[in-house]
Amino acid sequence: MTDSNINRRTLNDDTVLITAGWTLDNNNAHEMVDAIMLAQADGYKFIIIDMRDLEFLSSAGVGAILGTVETNREAGGDIVLCNLSEGVQHVLTVLDLVDYLTIVPNMDVAVSRCTAKT
């Protein structure tokens, strides 16, 4: 898997899954922003970002997610992060973002979280 391998798959009418590659930094943060904004433009209220392969998250990667969360929340949805490694979780903890972002342990919980809000 390349570092910028960001994929998108529709889960249902309201939810799309975006899978991050192994790094999210200055080199590919724009790809994450593009994927999220396209999902928003397509009317998805919920975006699940699966970070199971993500090993490195820079400030640009964090910014890609932070800059788009409010759009989904204003539409009655959310961006849900799942399958975070300890390192990625640590970055978000140090930045004091764990209470602001919706972070769940795995895909099942993420899907159920999105379904419960519809």
N, C-alpha and C. Protein backbone atom coordinates (compact mmCIF):
# COMPACT_ATOMS: atom_id res chain seq x y z
N MET A 1 0.85 -1.18 0.00
CA MET A 1 0.00 0.00 0.00
C MET A 1 0.89 1.24 0.00
N THR A 2 0.61 2.17 -0.89
CA THR A 2 1.38 3.40 -0.93
C THR A 2 0.90 4.34 0.15
N ASP A 3 1.73 5.32 0.46
CA ASP A 3 1.38 6.23 1.54
C ASP A 3 0.16 7.09 1.23
N SER A 4 -0.12 7.35 -0.04
CA SER A 4 -1.24 8.22 -0.36
C SER A 4 -2.46 7.45 -0.85
N ASN A 5 -2.54 6.19 -0.54
CA ASN A 5 -3.64 5.36 -0.98
C ASN A 5 -4.88 5.66 -0.13
N ILE A 6 -5.68 6.61 -0.60
CA ILE A 6 -6.91 6.99 0.08
C ILE A 6 -8.06 6.50 -0.79
N ASN A 7 -8.84 5.59 -0.25
CA ASN A 7 -9.93 4.97 -1.01
C ASN A 7 -11.28 5.36 -0.42
N ARG A 8 -12.30 5.29 -1.26
CA ARG A 8 -13.66 5.64 -0.84
C ARG A 8 -14.62 4.54 -1.27
N ARG A 9 -15.55 4.20 -0.36
CA ARG A 9 -16.56 3.19 -0.67
C ARG A 9 -17.86 3.58 0.02
N THR A 10 -18.96 3.54 -0.70
CA THR A 10 -20.27 3.85 -0.14
C THR A 10 -20.74 2.69 0.72
N LEU A 11 -21.23 3.01 1.93
CA LEU A 11 -21.78 1.98 2.82
C LEU A 11 -23.30 1.96 2.77
N ASN A 12 -23.91 3.15 2.69
CA ASN A 12 -25.37 3.26 2.54
C ASN A 12 -25.68 4.67 2.03
N ASP A 13 -26.94 5.03 1.97
CA ASP A 13 -27.32 6.33 1.41
C ASP A 13 -26.75 7.52 2.18
N ASP A 14 -26.49 7.34 3.47
CA ASP A 14 -26.00 8.44 4.31
C ASP A 14 -24.53 8.34 4.66
N THR A 15 -23.89 7.19 4.43
CA THR A 15 -22.55 6.95 4.96
C THR A 15 -21.58 6.49 3.90
N VAL A 16 -20.40 7.07 3.94
CA VAL A 16 -19.31 6.67 3.06
C VAL A 16 -18.09 6.32 3.92
N LEU A 17 -17.32 5.37 3.46
CA LEU A 17 -16.10 4.95 4.14
C LEU A 17 -14.91 5.45 3.35
N ILE A 18 -14.00 6.13 4.04
CA ILE A 18 -12.72 6.54 3.45
C ILE A 18 -11.64 5.80 4.21
N THR A 19 -10.79 5.11 3.47
CA THR A 19 -9.69 4.37 4.09
C THR A 19 -8.39 5.11 3.81
N ALA A 20 -7.67 5.42 4.88
CA ALA A 20 -6.40 6.14 4.76
C ALA A 20 -5.28 5.16 4.47
N GLY A 21 -4.25 5.63 3.80
CA GLY A 21 -3.04 4.84 3.58
C GLY A 21 -2.19 4.81 4.85
N TRP A 22 -0.91 4.53 4.71
CA TRP A 22 -0.09 4.39 5.91
C TRP A 22 0.46 5.70 6.43
N THR A 23 0.33 6.78 5.68
CA THR A 23 0.74 8.09 6.17
C THR A 23 -0.24 9.15 5.68
N LEU A 24 -0.46 10.14 6.51
CA LEU A 24 -1.30 11.28 6.16
C LEU A 24 -0.52 12.52 6.58
N ASP A 25 0.09 13.16 5.58
CA ASP A 25 0.98 14.29 5.86
C ASP A 25 0.89 15.34 4.76
N ASN A 26 1.88 16.22 4.68
CA ASN A 26 1.88 17.30 3.69
C ASN A 26 1.77 16.78 2.26
N ASN A 27 2.28 15.61 2.00
CA ASN A 27 2.30 15.07 0.65
C ASN A 27 0.93 14.61 0.15
N ASN A 28 0.03 14.24 1.07
CA ASN A 28 -1.25 13.71 0.61
C ASN A 28 -2.47 14.22 1.40
N ALA A 29 -2.28 15.17 2.29
CA ALA A 29 -3.41 15.70 3.06
C ALA A 29 -4.48 16.27 2.12
N HIS A 30 -4.06 16.88 1.02
CA HIS A 30 -5.02 17.43 0.06
C HIS A 30 -5.91 16.33 -0.53
N GLU A 31 -5.36 15.12 -0.66
CA GLU A 31 -6.17 14.01 -1.18
C GLU A 31 -7.27 13.63 -0.18
N MET A 32 -6.95 13.68 1.11
CA MET A 32 -7.95 13.40 2.14
C MET A 32 -9.02 14.49 2.13
N VAL A 33 -8.59 15.75 2.04
CA VAL A 33 -9.55 16.85 1.98
C VAL A 33 -10.45 16.68 0.76
N ASP A 34 -9.86 16.36 -0.38
CA ASP A 34 -10.65 16.17 -1.60
C ASP A 34 -11.66 15.04 -1.44
N ALA A 35 -11.23 13.92 -0.85
CA ALA A 35 -12.13 12.78 -0.66
C ALA A 35 -13.29 13.13 0.27
N ILE A 36 -12.98 13.84 1.34
CA ILE A 36 -14.02 14.24 2.29
C ILE A 36 -14.97 15.25 1.65
N MET A 37 -14.42 16.25 0.97
CA MET A 37 -15.27 17.28 0.37
C MET A 37 -16.13 16.71 -0.75
N LEU A 38 -15.63 15.75 -1.49
CA LEU A 38 -16.43 15.10 -2.53
C LEU A 38 -17.59 14.33 -1.89
N ALA A 39 -17.31 13.63 -0.79
CA ALA A 39 -18.37 12.91 -0.09
C ALA A 39 -19.42 13.88 0.44
N GLN A 40 -18.97 15.02 0.96
CA GLN A 40 -19.91 16.03 1.44
C GLN A 40 -20.75 16.57 0.29
N ALA A 41 -20.10 16.85 -0.83
CA ALA A 41 -20.82 17.37 -2.01
C ALA A 41 -21.82 16.35 -2.54
N ASP A 42 -21.51 15.07 -2.37
CA ASP A 42 -22.41 14.01 -2.81
C ASP A 42 -23.55 13.77 -1.81
N GLY A 43 -23.56 14.51 -0.71
CA GLY A 43 -24.67 14.46 0.24
C GLY A 43 -24.54 13.46 1.36
N TYR A 44 -23.36 12.89 1.56
CA TYR A 44 -23.20 11.94 2.67
C TYR A 44 -23.12 12.71 3.98
N LYS A 45 -24.01 12.36 4.92
CA LYS A 45 -24.00 12.99 6.24
C LYS A 45 -22.90 12.43 7.12
N PHE A 46 -22.59 11.15 6.93
CA PHE A 46 -21.59 10.49 7.76
C PHE A 46 -20.42 10.03 6.92
N ILE A 47 -19.24 10.31 7.44
CA ILE A 47 -18.01 9.85 6.80
C ILE A 47 -17.23 9.08 7.87
N ILE A 48 -16.97 7.83 7.58
CA ILE A 48 -16.13 7.02 8.46
C ILE A 48 -14.75 7.00 7.84
N ILE A 49 -13.75 7.35 8.63
CA ILE A 49 -12.37 7.28 8.17
C ILE A 49 -11.70 6.13 8.91
N ASP A 50 -11.40 5.07 8.15
CA ASP A 50 -10.76 3.89 8.71
C ASP A 50 -9.24 4.12 8.66
N MET A 51 -8.63 4.13 9.83
CA MET A 51 -7.21 4.42 9.96
C MET A 51 -6.39 3.19 10.31
N ARG A 52 -6.90 2.00 9.99
CA ARG A 52 -6.22 0.77 10.38
C ARG A 52 -4.80 0.66 9.83
N ASP A 53 -4.53 1.24 8.67
CA ASP A 53 -3.19 1.17 8.07
C ASP A 53 -2.35 2.41 8.35
N LEU A 54 -2.94 3.43 8.97
CA LEU A 54 -2.25 4.69 9.19
C LEU A 54 -1.20 4.57 10.28
N GLU A 55 0.05 4.81 9.90
CA GLU A 55 1.16 4.74 10.85
C GLU A 55 1.69 6.11 11.22
N PHE A 56 1.48 7.11 10.36
CA PHE A 56 2.02 8.45 10.62
C PHE A 56 0.98 9.50 10.28
N LEU A 57 0.72 10.38 11.24
CA LEU A 57 -0.24 11.47 11.07
C LEU A 57 0.45 12.78 11.43
N SER A 58 0.59 13.66 10.44
CA SER A 58 1.23 14.95 10.69
C SER A 58 0.16 16.00 10.99
N SER A 59 0.63 17.21 11.28
CA SER A 59 -0.31 18.31 11.53
C SER A 59 -1.15 18.61 10.29
N ALA A 60 -0.57 18.44 9.11
CA ALA A 60 -1.35 18.64 7.88
C ALA A 60 -2.46 17.61 7.77
N GLY A 61 -2.17 16.38 8.16
CA GLY A 61 -3.19 15.33 8.15
C GLY A 61 -4.30 15.62 9.14
N VAL A 62 -3.91 16.07 10.33
CA VAL A 62 -4.91 16.45 11.33
C VAL A 62 -5.77 17.59 10.79
N GLY A 63 -5.13 18.57 10.17
CA GLY A 63 -5.84 19.71 9.61
C GLY A 63 -6.83 19.32 8.53
N ALA A 64 -6.47 18.31 7.74
CA ALA A 64 -7.36 17.83 6.68
C ALA A 64 -8.69 17.35 7.26
N ILE A 65 -8.62 16.72 8.40
CA ILE A 65 -9.83 16.20 9.04
C ILE A 65 -10.55 17.32 9.80
N LEU A 66 -9.80 18.08 10.59
CA LEU A 66 -10.41 19.14 11.39
C LEU A 66 -11.13 20.18 10.54
N GLY A 67 -10.57 20.49 9.41
CA GLY A 67 -11.15 21.52 8.56
C GLY A 67 -12.44 21.13 7.90
N THR A 68 -12.84 19.87 8.02
CA THR A 68 -14.03 19.40 7.33
C THR A 68 -15.13 18.87 8.26
N VAL A 69 -14.83 18.69 9.52
CA VAL A 69 -15.77 18.08 10.47
C VAL A 69 -17.05 18.89 10.61
N GLU A 70 -16.94 20.19 10.74
CA GLU A 70 -18.12 21.01 11.02
C GLU A 70 -19.16 20.93 9.91
N THR A 71 -18.73 20.77 8.67
CA THR A 71 -19.69 20.67 7.56
C THR A 71 -20.63 19.49 7.78
N ASN A 72 -20.07 18.34 8.18
CA ASN A 72 -20.91 17.17 8.43
C ASN A 72 -21.79 17.38 9.66
N ARG A 73 -21.23 17.97 10.69
CA ARG A 73 -22.01 18.18 11.91
C ARG A 73 -23.16 19.15 11.68
N GLU A 74 -22.93 20.17 10.87
CA GLU A 74 -23.99 21.12 10.56
C GLU A 74 -25.11 20.47 9.74
N ALA A 75 -24.78 19.39 9.02
CA ALA A 75 -25.78 18.67 8.23
C ALA A 75 -26.45 17.56 9.05
N GLY A 76 -26.16 17.50 10.35
CA GLY A 76 -26.75 16.48 11.21
C GLY A 76 -25.99 15.17 11.20
N GLY A 77 -24.79 15.16 10.67
CA GLY A 77 -23.96 13.96 10.62
C GLY A 77 -22.67 14.14 11.39
N ASP A 78 -21.63 13.45 10.95
CA ASP A 78 -20.35 13.52 11.64
C ASP A 78 -19.28 12.85 10.79
N ILE A 79 -18.05 13.07 11.18
CA ILE A 79 -16.92 12.31 10.67
C ILE A 79 -16.45 11.44 11.82
N VAL A 80 -16.41 10.15 11.60
CA VAL A 80 -16.08 9.19 12.65
C VAL A 80 -14.76 8.51 12.28
N LEU A 81 -13.80 8.55 13.21
CA LEU A 81 -12.51 7.92 13.01
C LEU A 81 -12.50 6.58 13.72
N CYS A 82 -11.96 5.55 13.06
CA CYS A 82 -11.91 4.24 13.71
C CYS A 82 -10.58 3.54 13.42
N ASN A 83 -10.30 2.53 14.21
CA ASN A 83 -9.11 1.69 14.08
C ASN A 83 -7.81 2.49 14.17
N LEU A 84 -7.73 3.40 15.12
CA LEU A 84 -6.53 4.20 15.31
C LEU A 84 -5.43 3.39 15.99
N SER A 85 -4.21 3.53 15.51
CA SER A 85 -3.07 2.91 16.17
C SER A 85 -2.78 3.71 17.45
N GLU A 86 -1.95 3.14 18.31
CA GLU A 86 -1.58 3.86 19.53
C GLU A 86 -0.88 5.16 19.21
N GLY A 87 -0.04 5.15 18.17
CA GLY A 87 0.70 6.35 17.79
C GLY A 87 -0.22 7.47 17.31
N VAL A 88 -1.17 7.14 16.48
CA VAL A 88 -2.12 8.13 15.97
C VAL A 88 -3.01 8.62 17.11
N GLN A 89 -3.46 7.73 17.95
CA GLN A 89 -4.25 8.11 19.13
C GLN A 89 -3.46 9.07 20.01
N HIS A 90 -2.16 8.79 20.17
CA HIS A 90 -1.29 9.64 21.00
C HIS A 90 -1.21 11.05 20.41
N VAL A 91 -1.05 11.15 19.09
CA VAL A 91 -0.98 12.46 18.44
C VAL A 91 -2.25 13.26 18.74
N LEU A 92 -3.40 12.64 18.60
CA LEU A 92 -4.67 13.33 18.83
C LEU A 92 -4.86 13.68 20.30
N THR A 93 -4.33 12.84 21.19
CA THR A 93 -4.40 13.12 22.62
C THR A 93 -3.53 14.31 22.97
N VAL A 94 -2.30 14.33 22.46
CA VAL A 94 -1.38 15.44 22.73
C VAL A 94 -1.95 16.75 22.21
N LEU A 95 -2.64 16.70 21.08
CA LEU A 95 -3.25 17.90 20.51
C LEU A 95 -4.59 18.25 21.17
N ASP A 96 -5.00 17.45 22.15
CA ASP A 96 -6.24 17.66 22.90
C ASP A 96 -7.47 17.64 22.00
N LEU A 97 -7.49 16.68 21.07
CA LEU A 97 -8.58 16.58 20.11
C LEU A 97 -9.49 15.37 20.34
N VAL A 98 -9.17 14.53 21.31
CA VAL A 98 -9.96 13.31 21.49
C VAL A 98 -11.39 13.60 21.95
N ASP A 99 -11.61 14.72 22.60
CA ASP A 99 -12.97 15.05 23.01
C ASP A 99 -13.73 15.78 21.91
N TYR A 100 -13.03 16.37 20.97
CA TYR A 100 -13.67 17.08 19.87
C TYR A 100 -14.03 16.14 18.72
N LEU A 101 -13.12 15.26 18.38
CA LEU A 101 -13.35 14.31 17.28
C LEU A 101 -14.13 13.11 17.77
N THR A 102 -14.86 12.48 16.88
CA THR A 102 -15.57 11.25 17.22
C THR A 102 -14.65 10.09 16.86
N ILE A 103 -14.14 9.43 17.90
CA ILE A 103 -13.19 8.34 17.73
C ILE A 103 -13.79 7.08 18.35
N VAL A 104 -13.85 6.02 17.57
CA VAL A 104 -14.38 4.75 18.05
C VAL A 104 -13.36 3.65 17.77
N PRO A 105 -13.46 2.52 18.47
CA PRO A 105 -12.43 1.50 18.36
C PRO A 105 -12.36 0.74 17.03
N ASN A 106 -13.52 0.53 16.39
CA ASN A 106 -13.50 -0.32 15.19
C ASN A 106 -14.64 0.03 14.24
N MET A 107 -14.64 -0.63 13.09
CA MET A 107 -15.62 -0.35 12.05
C MET A 107 -17.05 -0.65 12.49
N ASP A 108 -17.26 -1.73 13.21
CA ASP A 108 -18.61 -2.08 13.66
C ASP A 108 -19.21 -0.97 14.51
N VAL A 109 -18.42 -0.44 15.43
CA VAL A 109 -18.90 0.63 16.30
C VAL A 109 -19.14 1.89 15.46
N ALA A 110 -18.26 2.16 14.50
CA ALA A 110 -18.42 3.34 13.65
C ALA A 110 -19.73 3.27 12.86
N VAL A 111 -19.99 2.14 12.24
CA VAL A 111 -21.22 1.98 11.45
C VAL A 111 -22.44 2.12 12.35
N SER A 112 -22.39 1.50 13.51
CA SER A 112 -23.53 1.59 14.43
C SER A 112 -23.72 3.01 14.92
N ARG A 113 -22.64 3.73 15.14
CA ARG A 113 -22.71 5.13 15.57
C ARG A 113 -23.40 5.98 14.51
N CYS A 114 -23.09 5.74 13.27
CA CYS A 114 -23.69 6.50 12.17
C CYS A 114 -25.14 6.11 11.96
N THR A 115 -25.45 4.85 12.10
CA THR A 115 -26.82 4.37 11.94
C THR A 115 -27.72 4.89 13.04
N ALA A 116 -27.20 4.96 14.27
CA ALA A 116 -27.99 5.40 15.41
C ALA A 116 -28.38 6.85 15.29
N LYS A 117 -27.62 7.65 14.56
CA LYS A 117 -27.89 9.08 14.45
C LYS A 117 -28.81 9.43 13.30
N THR A 118 -29.09 8.48 12.41
CA THR A 118 -29.92 8.80 11.25
C THR A 118 -31.39 8.82 11.61
